Amino acid sequence: CLYRGIGGDDTFRMYERLDVSLYQVK
C-alpha cells in the first residue's frame, strides 16, 4: 500500500497530482 494524502488538499489540487500520486505506480 501507498499512502498519498496531503493535509489541506482538495479535489482541484489532487486532480493535478494524479500522475505522481497514481499513474506512475499503476
mmCIF file of all heavy atoms, coordinates in Angstrom:
data_MODEL
# 
_entry.id   MODEL 
# 
loop_
_atom_site.group_PDB 
_atom_site.id 
_atom_site.type_symbol 
_atom_site.label_atom_id 
_atom_site.label_alt_id 
_atom_site.label_comp_id 
_atom_site.label_asym_id 
_atom_site.label_entity_id 
_atom_site.label_seq_id 
_atom_site.pdbx_PDB_ins_code 
_atom_site.Cartn_x 
_atom_site.Cartn_y 
_atom_site.Cartn_z 
_atom_site.occupancy 
_atom_site.B_iso_or_equiv 
_atom_site.pdbx_formal_charge 
_atom_site.auth_seq_id 
_atom_site.auth_comp_id 
_atom_site.auth_asym_id 
_atom_site.auth_atom_id 
_atom_site.pdbx_PDB_model_num 
ATOM 1   N N   . CYS A 1 1  ? 0.825   -1.207 0.000   1.00 0.00 ? 1  CYS A N   1 
ATOM 2   C CA  . CYS A 1 1  ? 0.000   0.000  0.000   1.00 0.00 ? 1  CYS A CA  1 
ATOM 3   C C   . CYS A 1 1  ? 0.856   1.252  0.000   1.00 0.00 ? 1  CYS A C   1 
ATOM 4   O O   . CYS A 1 1  ? 1.930   1.285  0.606   1.00 0.00 ? 1  CYS A O   1 
ATOM 5   C CB  . CYS A 1 1  ? -0.893  0.037  1.239   1.00 0.00 ? 1  CYS A CB  1 
ATOM 6   S SG  . CYS A 1 1  ? -2.063  -1.319 1.348   1.00 0.00 ? 1  CYS A SG  1 
ATOM 7   N N   . LEU A 1 2  ? 0.333   2.273  -0.661  1.00 0.00 ? 2  LEU A N   1 
ATOM 8   C CA  . LEU A 1 2  ? 0.928   3.601  -0.609  1.00 0.00 ? 2  LEU A CA  1 
ATOM 9   C C   . LEU A 1 2  ? -0.106  4.560  -0.042  1.00 0.00 ? 2  LEU A C   1 
ATOM 10  O O   . LEU A 1 2  ? -1.298  4.431  -0.324  1.00 0.00 ? 2  LEU A O   1 
ATOM 11  C CB  . LEU A 1 2  ? 1.342   4.082  -2.003  1.00 0.00 ? 2  LEU A CB  1 
ATOM 12  C CG  . LEU A 1 2  ? 2.434   3.295  -2.712  1.00 0.00 ? 2  LEU A CG  1 
ATOM 13  C CD1 . LEU A 1 2  ? 2.650   3.859  -4.105  1.00 0.00 ? 2  LEU A CD1 1 
ATOM 14  C CD2 . LEU A 1 2  ? 3.719   3.323  -1.911  1.00 0.00 ? 2  LEU A CD2 1 
ATOM 15  N N   . TYR A 1 3  ? 0.379   5.506  0.738   1.00 0.00 ? 3  TYR A N   1 
ATOM 16  C CA  . TYR A 1 3  ? -0.491  6.472  1.389   1.00 0.00 ? 3  TYR A CA  1 
ATOM 17  C C   . TYR A 1 3  ? -0.156  7.839  0.820   1.00 0.00 ? 3  TYR A C   1 
ATOM 18  O O   . TYR A 1 3  ? 0.874   8.412  1.115   1.00 0.00 ? 3  TYR A O   1 
ATOM 19  C CB  . TYR A 1 3  ? -0.292  6.413  2.908   1.00 0.00 ? 3  TYR A CB  1 
ATOM 20  C CG  . TYR A 1 3  ? -0.539  5.021  3.414   1.00 0.00 ? 3  TYR A CG  1 
ATOM 21  C CD1 . TYR A 1 3  ? 0.504   4.095  3.489   1.00 0.00 ? 3  TYR A CD1 1 
ATOM 22  C CD2 . TYR A 1 3  ? -1.818  4.595  3.741   1.00 0.00 ? 3  TYR A CD2 1 
ATOM 23  C CE1 . TYR A 1 3  ? 0.271   2.791  3.912   1.00 0.00 ? 3  TYR A CE1 1 
ATOM 24  C CE2 . TYR A 1 3  ? -2.056  3.290  4.165   1.00 0.00 ? 3  TYR A CE2 1 
ATOM 25  C CZ  . TYR A 1 3  ? -1.008  2.397  4.242   1.00 0.00 ? 3  TYR A CZ  1 
ATOM 26  O OH  . TYR A 1 3  ? -1.239  1.112  4.650   1.00 0.00 ? 3  TYR A OH  1 
ATOM 27  N N   . ARG A 1 4  ? -1.014  8.347  -0.035  1.00 0.00 ? 4  ARG A N   1 
ATOM 28  C CA  . ARG A 1 4  ? -0.747  9.568  -0.779  1.00 0.00 ? 4  ARG A CA  1 
ATOM 29  C C   . ARG A 1 4  ? -1.704  10.688 -0.357  1.00 0.00 ? 4  ARG A C   1 
ATOM 30  O O   . ARG A 1 4  ? -2.321  11.344 -1.182  1.00 0.00 ? 4  ARG A O   1 
ATOM 31  C CB  . ARG A 1 4  ? -0.849  9.307  -2.280  1.00 0.00 ? 4  ARG A CB  1 
ATOM 32  C CG  . ARG A 1 4  ? 0.154   8.241  -2.799  1.00 0.00 ? 4  ARG A CG  1 
ATOM 33  C CD  . ARG A 1 4  ? 1.553   8.773  -2.715  1.00 0.00 ? 4  ARG A CD  1 
ATOM 34  N NE  . ARG A 1 4  ? 2.626   7.859  -2.999  1.00 0.00 ? 4  ARG A NE  1 
ATOM 35  C CZ  . ARG A 1 4  ? 3.175   7.644  -4.182  1.00 0.00 ? 4  ARG A CZ  1 
ATOM 36  N NH1 . ARG A 1 4  ? 2.692   8.204  -5.256  1.00 0.00 ? 4  ARG A NH1 1 
ATOM 37  N NH2 . ARG A 1 4  ? 4.216   6.842  -4.302  1.00 0.00 ? 4  ARG A NH2 1 
ATOM 38  N N   . GLY A 1 5  ? -1.804  10.905 0.933   1.00 0.00 ? 5  GLY A N   1 
ATOM 39  C CA  . GLY A 1 5  ? -2.605  12.004 1.454   1.00 0.00 ? 5  GLY A CA  1 
ATOM 40  C C   . GLY A 1 5  ? -1.741  13.226 1.694   1.00 0.00 ? 5  GLY A C   1 
ATOM 41  O O   . GLY A 1 5  ? -0.571  13.104 2.052   1.00 0.00 ? 5  GLY A O   1 
ATOM 42  N N   . ILE A 1 6  ? -2.328  14.396 1.495   1.00 0.00 ? 6  ILE A N   1 
ATOM 43  C CA  . ILE A 1 6  ? -1.667  15.663 1.793   1.00 0.00 ? 6  ILE A CA  1 
ATOM 44  C C   . ILE A 1 6  ? -2.667  16.522 2.561   1.00 0.00 ? 6  ILE A C   1 
ATOM 45  O O   . ILE A 1 6  ? -3.740  16.834 2.041   1.00 0.00 ? 6  ILE A O   1 
ATOM 46  C CB  . ILE A 1 6  ? -1.201  16.408 0.525   1.00 0.00 ? 6  ILE A CB  1 
ATOM 47  C CG1 . ILE A 1 6  ? -0.219  15.557 -0.281  1.00 0.00 ? 6  ILE A CG1 1 
ATOM 48  C CG2 . ILE A 1 6  ? -0.572  17.747 0.905   1.00 0.00 ? 6  ILE A CG2 1 
ATOM 49  C CD1 . ILE A 1 6  ? 0.241   16.197 -1.580  1.00 0.00 ? 6  ILE A CD1 1 
ATOM 50  N N   . GLY A 1 7  ? -2.308  16.873 3.772   1.00 0.00 ? 7  GLY A N   1 
ATOM 51  C CA  . GLY A 1 7  ? -3.190  17.713 4.582   1.00 0.00 ? 7  GLY A CA  1 
ATOM 52  C C   . GLY A 1 7  ? -3.505  19.023 3.899   1.00 0.00 ? 7  GLY A C   1 
ATOM 53  O O   . GLY A 1 7  ? -2.624  19.679 3.354   1.00 0.00 ? 7  GLY A O   1 
ATOM 54  N N   . GLY A 1 8  ? -4.777  19.404 3.906   1.00 0.00 ? 8  GLY A N   1 
ATOM 55  C CA  . GLY A 1 8  ? -5.194  20.652 3.279   1.00 0.00 ? 8  GLY A CA  1 
ATOM 56  C C   . GLY A 1 8  ? -5.493  20.523 1.802   1.00 0.00 ? 8  GLY A C   1 
ATOM 57  O O   . GLY A 1 8  ? -5.909  21.491 1.160   1.00 0.00 ? 8  GLY A O   1 
ATOM 58  N N   . ASP A 1 9  ? -5.299  19.344 1.243   1.00 0.00 ? 9  ASP A N   1 
ATOM 59  C CA  . ASP A 1 9  ? -5.525  19.147 -0.183  1.00 0.00 ? 9  ASP A CA  1 
ATOM 60  C C   . ASP A 1 9  ? -7.019  19.214 -0.485  1.00 0.00 ? 9  ASP A C   1 
ATOM 61  O O   . ASP A 1 9  ? -7.867  19.010 0.379   1.00 0.00 ? 9  ASP A O   1 
ATOM 62  C CB  . ASP A 1 9  ? -4.956  17.798 -0.619  1.00 0.00 ? 9  ASP A CB  1 
ATOM 63  C CG  . ASP A 1 9  ? -4.617  17.754 -2.099  1.00 0.00 ? 9  ASP A CG  1 
ATOM 64  O OD1 . ASP A 1 9  ? -4.797  18.767 -2.798  1.00 0.00 ? 9  ASP A OD1 1 
ATOM 65  O OD2 . ASP A 1 9  ? -4.147  16.704 -2.563  1.00 0.00 ? 9  ASP A OD2 1 
ATOM 66  N N   . ASP A 1 10 ? -7.341  19.500 -1.734  1.00 0.00 ? 10 ASP A N   1 
ATOM 67  C CA  . ASP A 1 10 ? -8.723  19.482 -2.194  1.00 0.00 ? 10 ASP A CA  1 
ATOM 68  C C   . ASP A 1 10 ? -8.781  18.748 -3.528  1.00 0.00 ? 10 ASP A C   1 
ATOM 69  O O   . ASP A 1 10 ? -7.757  18.338 -4.066  1.00 0.00 ? 10 ASP A O   1 
ATOM 70  C CB  . ASP A 1 10 ? -9.301  20.903 -2.289  1.00 0.00 ? 10 ASP A CB  1 
ATOM 71  C CG  . ASP A 1 10 ? -8.541  21.804 -3.248  1.00 0.00 ? 10 ASP A CG  1 
ATOM 72  O OD1 . ASP A 1 10 ? -7.926  21.300 -4.209  1.00 0.00 ? 10 ASP A OD1 1 
ATOM 73  O OD2 . ASP A 1 10 ? -8.563  23.029 -3.044  1.00 0.00 ? 10 ASP A OD2 1 
ATOM 74  N N   . THR A 1 11 ? -9.972  18.571 -4.050  1.00 0.00 ? 11 THR A N   1 
ATOM 75  C CA  . THR A 1 11 ? -10.126 17.786 -5.276  1.00 0.00 ? 11 THR A CA  1 
ATOM 76  C C   . THR A 1 11 ? -9.497  18.459 -6.488  1.00 0.00 ? 11 THR A C   1 
ATOM 77  O O   . THR A 1 11 ? -9.084  17.780 -7.420  1.00 0.00 ? 11 THR A O   1 
ATOM 78  C CB  . THR A 1 11 ? -11.614 17.492 -5.559  1.00 0.00 ? 11 THR A CB  1 
ATOM 79  O OG1 . THR A 1 11 ? -12.341 18.720 -5.610  1.00 0.00 ? 11 THR A OG1 1 
ATOM 80  C CG2 . THR A 1 11 ? -12.211 16.606 -4.485  1.00 0.00 ? 11 THR A CG2 1 
ATOM 81  N N   . PHE A 1 12 ? -9.418  19.799 -6.491  1.00 0.00 ? 12 PHE A N   1 
ATOM 82  C CA  . PHE A 1 12 ? -8.775  20.501 -7.606  1.00 0.00 ? 12 PHE A CA  1 
ATOM 83  C C   . PHE A 1 12 ? -7.287  20.149 -7.675  1.00 0.00 ? 12 PHE A C   1 
ATOM 84  O O   . PHE A 1 12 ? -6.767  19.790 -8.721  1.00 0.00 ? 12 PHE A O   1 
ATOM 85  C CB  . PHE A 1 12 ? -8.912  22.025 -7.461  1.00 0.00 ? 12 PHE A CB  1 
ATOM 86  C CG  . PHE A 1 12 ? -10.313 22.521 -7.544  1.00 0.00 ? 12 PHE A CG  1 
ATOM 87  C CD1 . PHE A 1 12 ? -10.977 22.922 -6.398  1.00 0.00 ? 12 PHE A CD1 1 
ATOM 88  C CD2 . PHE A 1 12 ? -10.970 22.598 -8.752  1.00 0.00 ? 12 PHE A CD2 1 
ATOM 89  C CE1 . PHE A 1 12 ? -12.280 23.392 -6.468  1.00 0.00 ? 12 PHE A CE1 1 
ATOM 90  C CE2 . PHE A 1 12 ? -12.266 23.067 -8.836  1.00 0.00 ? 12 PHE A CE2 1 
ATOM 91  C CZ  . PHE A 1 12 ? -12.925 23.460 -7.683  1.00 0.00 ? 12 PHE A CZ  1 
ATOM 92  N N   . ARG A 1 13 ? -6.618  20.280 -6.530  1.00 0.00 ? 13 ARG A N   1 
ATOM 93  C CA  . ARG A 1 13 ? -5.176  20.015 -6.477  1.00 0.00 ? 13 ARG A CA  1 
ATOM 94  C C   . ARG A 1 13 ? -4.894  18.526 -6.676  1.00 0.00 ? 13 ARG A C   1 
ATOM 95  O O   . ARG A 1 13 ? -3.920  18.166 -7.306  1.00 0.00 ? 13 ARG A O   1 
ATOM 96  C CB  . ARG A 1 13 ? -4.600  20.480 -5.137  1.00 0.00 ? 13 ARG A CB  1 
ATOM 97  C CG  . ARG A 1 13 ? -4.461  21.976 -5.030  1.00 0.00 ? 13 ARG A CG  1 
ATOM 98  C CD  . ARG A 1 13 ? -3.910  22.294 -3.645  1.00 0.00 ? 13 ARG A CD  1 
ATOM 99  N NE  . ARG A 1 13 ? -3.061  23.433 -3.577  1.00 0.00 ? 13 ARG A NE  1 
ATOM 100 C CZ  . ARG A 1 13 ? -1.841  23.555 -4.084  1.00 0.00 ? 13 ARG A CZ  1 
ATOM 101 N NH1 . ARG A 1 13 ? -1.292  22.597 -4.728  1.00 0.00 ? 13 ARG A NH1 1 
ATOM 102 N NH2 . ARG A 1 13 ? -1.146  24.647 -3.945  1.00 0.00 ? 13 ARG A NH2 1 
ATOM 103 N N   . MET A 1 14 ? -5.734  17.680 -6.100  1.00 0.00 ? 14 MET A N   1 
ATOM 104 C CA  . MET A 1 14 ? -5.486  16.254 -6.245  1.00 0.00 ? 14 MET A CA  1 
ATOM 105 C C   . MET A 1 14 ? -5.573  15.844 -7.708  1.00 0.00 ? 14 MET A C   1 
ATOM 106 O O   . MET A 1 14 ? -4.777  15.032 -8.177  1.00 0.00 ? 14 MET A O   1 
ATOM 107 C CB  . MET A 1 14 ? -6.464  15.425 -5.416  1.00 0.00 ? 14 MET A CB  1 
ATOM 108 C CG  . MET A 1 14 ? -6.036  13.964 -5.359  1.00 0.00 ? 14 MET A CG  1 
ATOM 109 S SD  . MET A 1 14 ? -7.165  12.948 -4.433  1.00 0.00 ? 14 MET A SD  1 
ATOM 110 C CE  . MET A 1 14 ? -8.341  12.591 -5.700  1.00 0.00 ? 14 MET A CE  1 
ATOM 111 N N   . TYR A 1 15 ? -6.527  16.412 -8.424  1.00 0.00 ? 15 TYR A N   1 
ATOM 112 C CA  . TYR A 1 15 ? -6.650  16.117 -9.853  1.00 0.00 ? 15 TYR A CA  1 
ATOM 113 C C   . TYR A 1 15 ? -5.341  16.438 -10.568 1.00 0.00 ? 15 TYR A C   1 
ATOM 114 O O   . TYR A 1 15 ? -4.907  15.681 -11.439 1.00 0.00 ? 15 TYR A O   1 
ATOM 115 C CB  . TYR A 1 15 ? -7.811  16.921 -10.450 1.00 0.00 ? 15 TYR A CB  1 
ATOM 116 C CG  . TYR A 1 15 ? -8.014  16.670 -11.922 1.00 0.00 ? 15 TYR A CG  1 
ATOM 117 C CD1 . TYR A 1 15 ? -8.708  15.550 -12.361 1.00 0.00 ? 15 TYR A CD1 1 
ATOM 118 C CD2 . TYR A 1 15 ? -7.496  17.537 -12.874 1.00 0.00 ? 15 TYR A CD2 1 
ATOM 119 C CE1 . TYR A 1 15 ? -8.899  15.306 -13.715 1.00 0.00 ? 15 TYR A CE1 1 
ATOM 120 C CE2 . TYR A 1 15 ? -7.679  17.317 -14.223 1.00 0.00 ? 15 TYR A CE2 1 
ATOM 121 C CZ  . TYR A 1 15 ? -8.382  16.198 -14.641 1.00 0.00 ? 15 TYR A CZ  1 
ATOM 122 O OH  . TYR A 1 15 ? -8.554  15.955 -15.977 1.00 0.00 ? 15 TYR A OH  1 
ATOM 123 N N   . GLU A 1 16 ? -4.707  17.521 -10.194 1.00 0.00 ? 16 GLU A N   1 
ATOM 124 C CA  . GLU A 1 16 ? -3.456  17.942 -10.822 1.00 0.00 ? 16 GLU A CA  1 
ATOM 125 C C   . GLU A 1 16 ? -2.280  17.016 -10.471 1.00 0.00 ? 16 GLU A C   1 
ATOM 126 O O   . GLU A 1 16 ? -1.300  16.975 -11.208 1.00 0.00 ? 16 GLU A O   1 
ATOM 127 C CB  . GLU A 1 16 ? -3.109  19.378 -10.409 1.00 0.00 ? 16 GLU A CB  1 
ATOM 128 C CG  . GLU A 1 16 ? -4.123  20.408 -10.877 1.00 0.00 ? 16 GLU A CG  1 
ATOM 129 C CD  . GLU A 1 16 ? -4.239  20.477 -12.392 1.00 0.00 ? 16 GLU A CD  1 
ATOM 130 O OE1 . GLU A 1 16 ? -3.202  20.383 -13.073 1.00 0.00 ? 16 GLU A OE1 1 
ATOM 131 O OE2 . GLU A 1 16 ? -5.369  20.622 -12.888 1.00 0.00 ? 16 GLU A OE2 1 
ATOM 132 N N   . ARG A 1 17 ? -2.363  16.297 -9.369  1.00 0.00 ? 17 ARG A N   1 
ATOM 133 C CA  . ARG A 1 17 ? -1.245  15.449 -8.952  1.00 0.00 ? 17 ARG A CA  1 
ATOM 134 C C   . ARG A 1 17 ? -1.493  13.954 -9.184  1.00 0.00 ? 17 ARG A C   1 
ATOM 135 O O   . ARG A 1 17 ? -0.759  13.110 -8.683  1.00 0.00 ? 17 ARG A O   1 
ATOM 136 C CB  . ARG A 1 17 ? -0.893  15.710 -7.490  1.00 0.00 ? 17 ARG A CB  1 
ATOM 137 C CG  . ARG A 1 17 ? -1.918  15.253 -6.470  1.00 0.00 ? 17 ARG A CG  1 
ATOM 138 C CD  . ARG A 1 17 ? -1.388  15.485 -5.065  1.00 0.00 ? 17 ARG A CD  1 
ATOM 139 N NE  . ARG A 1 17 ? -2.372  15.249 -4.044  1.00 0.00 ? 17 ARG A NE  1 
ATOM 140 C CZ  . ARG A 1 17 ? -2.485  14.121 -3.360  1.00 0.00 ? 17 ARG A CZ  1 
ATOM 141 N NH1 . ARG A 1 17 ? -1.671  13.114 -3.578  1.00 0.00 ? 17 ARG A NH1 1 
ATOM 142 N NH2 . ARG A 1 17 ? -3.416  14.002 -2.422  1.00 0.00 ? 17 ARG A NH2 1 
ATOM 143 N N   . LEU A 1 18 ? -2.499  13.623 -9.961  1.00 0.00 ? 18 LEU A N   1 
ATOM 144 C CA  . LEU A 1 18 ? -2.803  12.208 -10.199 1.00 0.00 ? 18 LEU A CA  1 
ATOM 145 C C   . LEU A 1 18 ? -1.642  11.454 -10.844 1.00 0.00 ? 18 LEU A C   1 
ATOM 146 O O   . LEU A 1 18 ? -1.421  10.282 -10.547 1.00 0.00 ? 18 LEU A O   1 
ATOM 147 C CB  . LEU A 1 18 ? -4.071  12.063 -11.050 1.00 0.00 ? 18 LEU A CB  1 
ATOM 148 C CG  . LEU A 1 18 ? -5.381  12.388 -10.341 1.00 0.00 ? 18 LEU A CG  1 
ATOM 149 C CD1 . LEU A 1 18 ? -6.540  12.344 -11.326 1.00 0.00 ? 18 LEU A CD1 1 
ATOM 150 C CD2 . LEU A 1 18 ? -5.625  11.466 -9.169  1.00 0.00 ? 18 LEU A CD2 1 
ATOM 151 N N   . ASP A 1 19 ? -0.899  12.090 -11.716 1.00 0.00 ? 19 ASP A N   1 
ATOM 152 C CA  . ASP A 1 19 ? 0.227   11.421 -12.365 1.00 0.00 ? 19 ASP A CA  1 
ATOM 153 C C   . ASP A 1 19 ? 1.236   10.934 -11.331 1.00 0.00 ? 19 ASP A C   1 
ATOM 154 O O   . ASP A 1 19 ? 1.606   9.764  -11.315 1.00 0.00 ? 19 ASP A O   1 
ATOM 155 C CB  . ASP A 1 19 ? 0.899   12.347 -13.378 1.00 0.00 ? 19 ASP A CB  1 
ATOM 156 C CG  . ASP A 1 19 ? 2.027   11.639 -14.117 1.00 0.00 ? 19 ASP A CG  1 
ATOM 157 O OD1 . ASP A 1 19 ? 1.792   10.536 -14.650 1.00 0.00 ? 19 ASP A OD1 1 
ATOM 158 O OD2 . ASP A 1 19 ? 3.147   12.183 -14.136 1.00 0.00 ? 19 ASP A OD2 1 
ATOM 159 N N   . VAL A 1 20 ? 1.672   11.828 -10.465 1.00 0.00 ? 20 VAL A N   1 
ATOM 160 C CA  . VAL A 1 20 ? 2.669   11.474 -9.452  1.00 0.00 ? 20 VAL A CA  1 
ATOM 161 C C   . VAL A 1 20 ? 2.074   10.530 -8.409  1.00 0.00 ? 20 VAL A C   1 
ATOM 162 O O   . VAL A 1 20 ? 2.717   9.571  -7.989  1.00 0.00 ? 20 VAL A O   1 
ATOM 163 C CB  . VAL A 1 20 ? 3.210   12.752 -8.758  1.00 0.00 ? 20 VAL A CB  1 
ATOM 164 C CG1 . VAL A 1 20 ? 4.063   12.413 -7.555  1.00 0.00 ? 20 VAL A CG1 1 
ATOM 165 C CG2 . VAL A 1 20 ? 3.992   13.586 -9.749  1.00 0.00 ? 20 VAL A CG2 1 
ATOM 166 N N   . SER A 1 21 ? 0.846   10.775 -8.005  1.00 0.00 ? 21 SER A N   1 
ATOM 167 C CA  . SER A 1 21 ? 0.247   10.004 -6.926  1.00 0.00 ? 21 SER A CA  1 
ATOM 168 C C   . SER A 1 21 ? -0.252  8.628  -7.354  1.00 0.00 ? 21 SER A C   1 
ATOM 169 O O   . SER A 1 21 ? -0.251  7.703  -6.549  1.00 0.00 ? 21 SER A O   1 
ATOM 170 C CB  . SER A 1 21 ? -0.917  10.784 -6.308  1.00 0.00 ? 21 SER A CB  1 
ATOM 171 O OG  . SER A 1 21 ? -0.450  11.966 -5.719  1.00 0.00 ? 21 SER A OG  1 
ATOM 172 N N   . LEU A 1 22 ? -0.671  8.501  -8.616  1.00 0.00 ? 22 LEU A N   1 
ATOM 173 C CA  . LEU A 1 22 ? -1.271  7.231  -9.061  1.00 0.00 ? 22 LEU A CA  1 
ATOM 174 C C   . LEU A 1 22 ? -0.650  6.645  -10.327 1.00 0.00 ? 22 LEU A C   1 
ATOM 175 O O   . LEU A 1 22 ? -0.211  5.499  -10.341 1.00 0.00 ? 22 LEU A O   1 
ATOM 176 C CB  . LEU A 1 22 ? -2.763  7.420  -9.345  1.00 0.00 ? 22 LEU A CB  1 
ATOM 177 C CG  . LEU A 1 22 ? -3.687  7.696  -8.194  1.00 0.00 ? 22 LEU A CG  1 
ATOM 178 C CD1 . LEU A 1 22 ? -5.101  7.887  -8.705  1.00 0.00 ? 22 LEU A CD1 1 
ATOM 179 C CD2 . LEU A 1 22 ? -3.640  6.579  -7.197  1.00 0.00 ? 22 LEU A CD2 1 
ATOM 180 N N   . TYR A 1 23 ? -0.681  7.408  -11.391 1.00 0.00 ? 23 TYR A N   1 
ATOM 181 C CA  . TYR A 1 23 ? -0.385  6.856  -12.709 1.00 0.00 ? 23 TYR A CA  1 
ATOM 182 C C   . TYR A 1 23 ? 1.017   6.276  -12.812 1.00 0.00 ? 23 TYR A C   1 
ATOM 183 O O   . TYR A 1 23 ? 1.217   5.281  -13.508 1.00 0.00 ? 23 TYR A O   1 
ATOM 184 C CB  . TYR A 1 23 ? -0.610  7.897  -13.800 1.00 0.00 ? 23 TYR A CB  1 
ATOM 185 C CG  . TYR A 1 23 ? -2.012  8.481  -13.799 1.00 0.00 ? 23 TYR A CG  1 
ATOM 186 C CD1 . TYR A 1 23 ? -2.250  9.742  -14.305 1.00 0.00 ? 23 TYR A CD1 1 
ATOM 187 C CD2 . TYR A 1 23 ? -3.091  7.772  -13.279 1.00 0.00 ? 23 TYR A CD2 1 
ATOM 188 C CE1 . TYR A 1 23 ? -3.524  10.288 -14.299 1.00 0.00 ? 23 TYR A CE1 1 
ATOM 189 C CE2 . TYR A 1 23 ? -4.364  8.310  -13.267 1.00 0.00 ? 23 TYR A CE2 1 
ATOM 190 C CZ  . TYR A 1 23 ? -4.571  9.567  -13.779 1.00 0.00 ? 23 TYR A CZ  1 
ATOM 191 O OH  . TYR A 1 23 ? -5.825  10.105 -13.768 1.00 0.00 ? 23 TYR A OH  1 
ATOM 192 N N   . GLN A 1 24 ? 1.967   6.862  -12.140 1.00 0.00 ? 24 GLN A N   1 
ATOM 193 C CA  . GLN A 1 24 ? 3.338   6.361  -12.225 1.00 0.00 ? 24 GLN A CA  1 
ATOM 194 C C   . GLN A 1 24 ? 3.518   5.020  -11.510 1.00 0.00 ? 24 GLN A C   1 
ATOM 195 O O   . GLN A 1 24 ? 4.446   4.289  -11.822 1.00 0.00 ? 24 GLN A O   1 
ATOM 196 C CB  . GLN A 1 24 ? 4.321   7.397  -11.653 1.00 0.00 ? 24 GLN A CB  1 
ATOM 197 C CG  . GLN A 1 24 ? 4.423   8.635  -12.509 1.00 0.00 ? 24 GLN A CG  1 
ATOM 198 C CD  . GLN A 1 24 ? 5.389   9.655  -11.934 1.00 0.00 ? 24 GLN A CD  1 
ATOM 199 O OE1 . GLN A 1 24 ? 6.198   9.362  -11.067 1.00 0.00 ? 24 GLN A OE1 1 
ATOM 200 N NE2 . GLN A 1 24 ? 5.308   10.878 -12.427 1.00 0.00 ? 24 GLN A NE2 1 
ATOM 201 N N   . VAL A 1 25 ? 2.629   4.691  -10.578 1.00 0.00 ? 25 VAL A N   1 
ATOM 202 C CA  . VAL A 1 25 ? 2.776   3.430  -9.825  1.00 0.00 ? 25 VAL A CA  1 
ATOM 203 C C   . VAL A 1 25 ? 1.767   2.362  -10.237 1.00 0.00 ? 25 VAL A C   1 
ATOM 204 O O   . VAL A 1 25 ? 1.884   1.208  -9.844  1.00 0.00 ? 25 VAL A O   1 
ATOM 205 C CB  . VAL A 1 25 ? 2.713   3.670  -8.301  1.00 0.00 ? 25 VAL A CB  1 
ATOM 206 C CG1 . VAL A 1 25 ? 3.899   4.482  -7.850  1.00 0.00 ? 25 VAL A CG1 1 
ATOM 207 C CG2 . VAL A 1 25 ? 1.417   4.319  -7.880  1.00 0.00 ? 25 VAL A CG2 1 
ATOM 208 N N   . LYS A 1 26 ? 0.760   2.740  -11.000 1.00 0.00 ? 26 LYS A N   1 
ATOM 209 C CA  . LYS A 1 26 ? -0.221  1.798  -11.563 1.00 0.00 ? 26 LYS A CA  1 
ATOM 210 C C   . LYS A 1 26 ? -0.771  0.800  -10.531 1.00 0.00 ? 26 LYS A C   1 
ATOM 211 O O   . LYS A 1 26 ? -0.599  -0.412 -10.658 1.00 0.00 ? 26 LYS A O   1 
ATOM 212 C CB  . LYS A 1 26 ? 0.396   1.051  -12.738 1.00 0.00 ? 26 LYS A CB  1 
ATOM 213 C CG  . LYS A 1 26 ? 0.842   1.953  -13.865 1.00 0.00 ? 26 LYS A CG  1 
ATOM 214 C CD  . LYS A 1 26 ? 1.527   1.158  -14.965 1.00 0.00 ? 26 LYS A CD  1 
ATOM 215 C CE  . LYS A 1 26 ? 1.935   2.020  -16.105 1.00 0.00 ? 26 LYS A CE  1 
ATOM 216 N NZ  . LYS A 1 26 ? 3.102   2.834  -15.915 1.00 0.00 ? 26 LYS A NZ  1 
# 
